[in-house]
């Protein structure tokens, strides 16, 4: 099995933060959950869990249920 399958939750969260930041830098708007899932090789449900965890930790914010409003609060 690959090492990627055994990444810790903190490593996954950091990858999501980095991916959101990079995507916003390149395109000027936030990625969708589907884009993050494809980019990271995870399911949309897993991305949603990670984003929810980051929101609870106040590392990411989003504007209600609107699409593409993810903002990284820490740098």
Protein backbone atom coordinates (compact mmCIF):
# COMPACT_ATOMS: atom_id res chain seq x y z
CA UNK A 1 0.00 0.00 0.00
CA UNK A 2 1.08 3.56 -0.63
CA UNK A 3 2.25 5.94 2.07
CA UNK A 4 -0.47 8.45 1.01
CA UNK A 5 -3.16 6.16 2.37
CA UNK A 6 -1.73 6.55 5.86
CA UNK A 7 -1.42 10.31 6.11
CA UNK A 8 -2.52 11.83 9.39
CA UNK A 9 -5.53 14.10 9.65
CA UNK A 10 -3.22 17.07 10.22
CA UNK A 11 -1.23 16.27 7.07
CA UNK A 12 -4.46 16.03 5.04
CA UNK A 13 -5.73 19.31 6.50
CA UNK A 14 -2.47 21.04 5.58
CA UNK A 15 -2.69 19.68 2.04
CA UNK A 16 -6.23 21.01 1.71
CA UNK A 17 -5.17 24.43 3.01
CA UNK A 18 -2.26 24.51 0.56
CA UNK A 19 -4.50 23.38 -2.30
CA UNK A 20 -7.10 26.07 -1.60
CA UNK A 21 -4.42 28.75 -1.38
CA UNK A 22 -2.68 27.63 -4.58
CA UNK A 23 -5.95 27.37 -6.51
CA UNK A 24 -7.04 30.86 -5.38
CA UNK A 25 -3.63 32.29 -6.36
CA UNK A 26 -3.87 30.81 -9.86
CA UNK A 27 -7.57 31.26 -10.67
CA UNK A 28 -8.67 34.11 -8.40
CA UNK A 29 -11.49 32.12 -6.80
CA UNK A 30 -11.85 29.10 -4.53
CA UNK A 31 -12.01 25.52 -5.79
CA UNK A 32 -15.20 23.52 -5.52
CA UNK A 33 -15.28 20.45 -3.31
CA UNK A 34 -15.31 18.34 -6.49
CA UNK A 35 -12.17 20.06 -7.77
CA UNK A 36 -10.40 19.58 -4.45
CA UNK A 37 -11.46 15.93 -4.37
CA UNK A 38 -10.10 15.32 -7.87
CA UNK A 39 -6.91 17.24 -7.17
CA UNK A 40 -6.21 15.30 -3.98
CA UNK A 41 -7.56 11.90 -4.98
CA UNK A 42 -10.19 11.88 -2.24
CA UNK A 43 -13.98 11.72 -2.22
CA UNK A 44 -16.11 14.86 -2.01
CA UNK A 45 -17.46 13.55 1.29
CA UNK A 46 -13.93 13.30 2.71
CA UNK A 47 -13.12 16.81 1.48
CA UNK A 48 -16.29 18.07 3.20
CA UNK A 49 -15.21 16.41 6.46
CA UNK A 50 -11.77 18.00 6.25
CA UNK A 51 -13.22 21.44 5.43
CA UNK A 52 -15.67 21.15 8.34
CA UNK A 53 -12.76 20.33 10.65
CA UNK A 54 -10.80 23.33 9.35
CA UNK A 55 -13.82 25.60 9.88
CA UNK A 56 -14.17 24.39 13.47
CA UNK A 57 -10.46 25.13 14.01
CA UNK A 58 -11.02 28.58 12.44
CA UNK A 59 -8.41 27.98 9.76
CA UNK A 60 -10.93 28.28 6.91
CA UNK A 61 -14.10 30.30 6.49
CA UNK A 62 -16.91 30.07 3.96
CA UNK A 63 -19.94 32.20 3.22
CA UNK A 64 -22.89 30.03 4.20
CA UNK A 65 -23.85 27.49 1.56
CA UNK A 66 -22.54 29.55 -1.34
CA UNK A 67 -20.17 27.86 -3.77
CA UNK A 68 -16.52 28.82 -4.09
CA UNK A 69 -16.32 31.01 -1.00
CA UNK A 70 -13.60 29.16 0.92
CA UNK A 71 -11.01 31.46 2.43
CA UNK A 72 -7.89 30.38 4.28
CA UNK A 73 -7.64 32.43 7.46
CA UNK A 74 -4.10 31.45 8.39
CA UNK A 75 -0.95 31.71 6.31
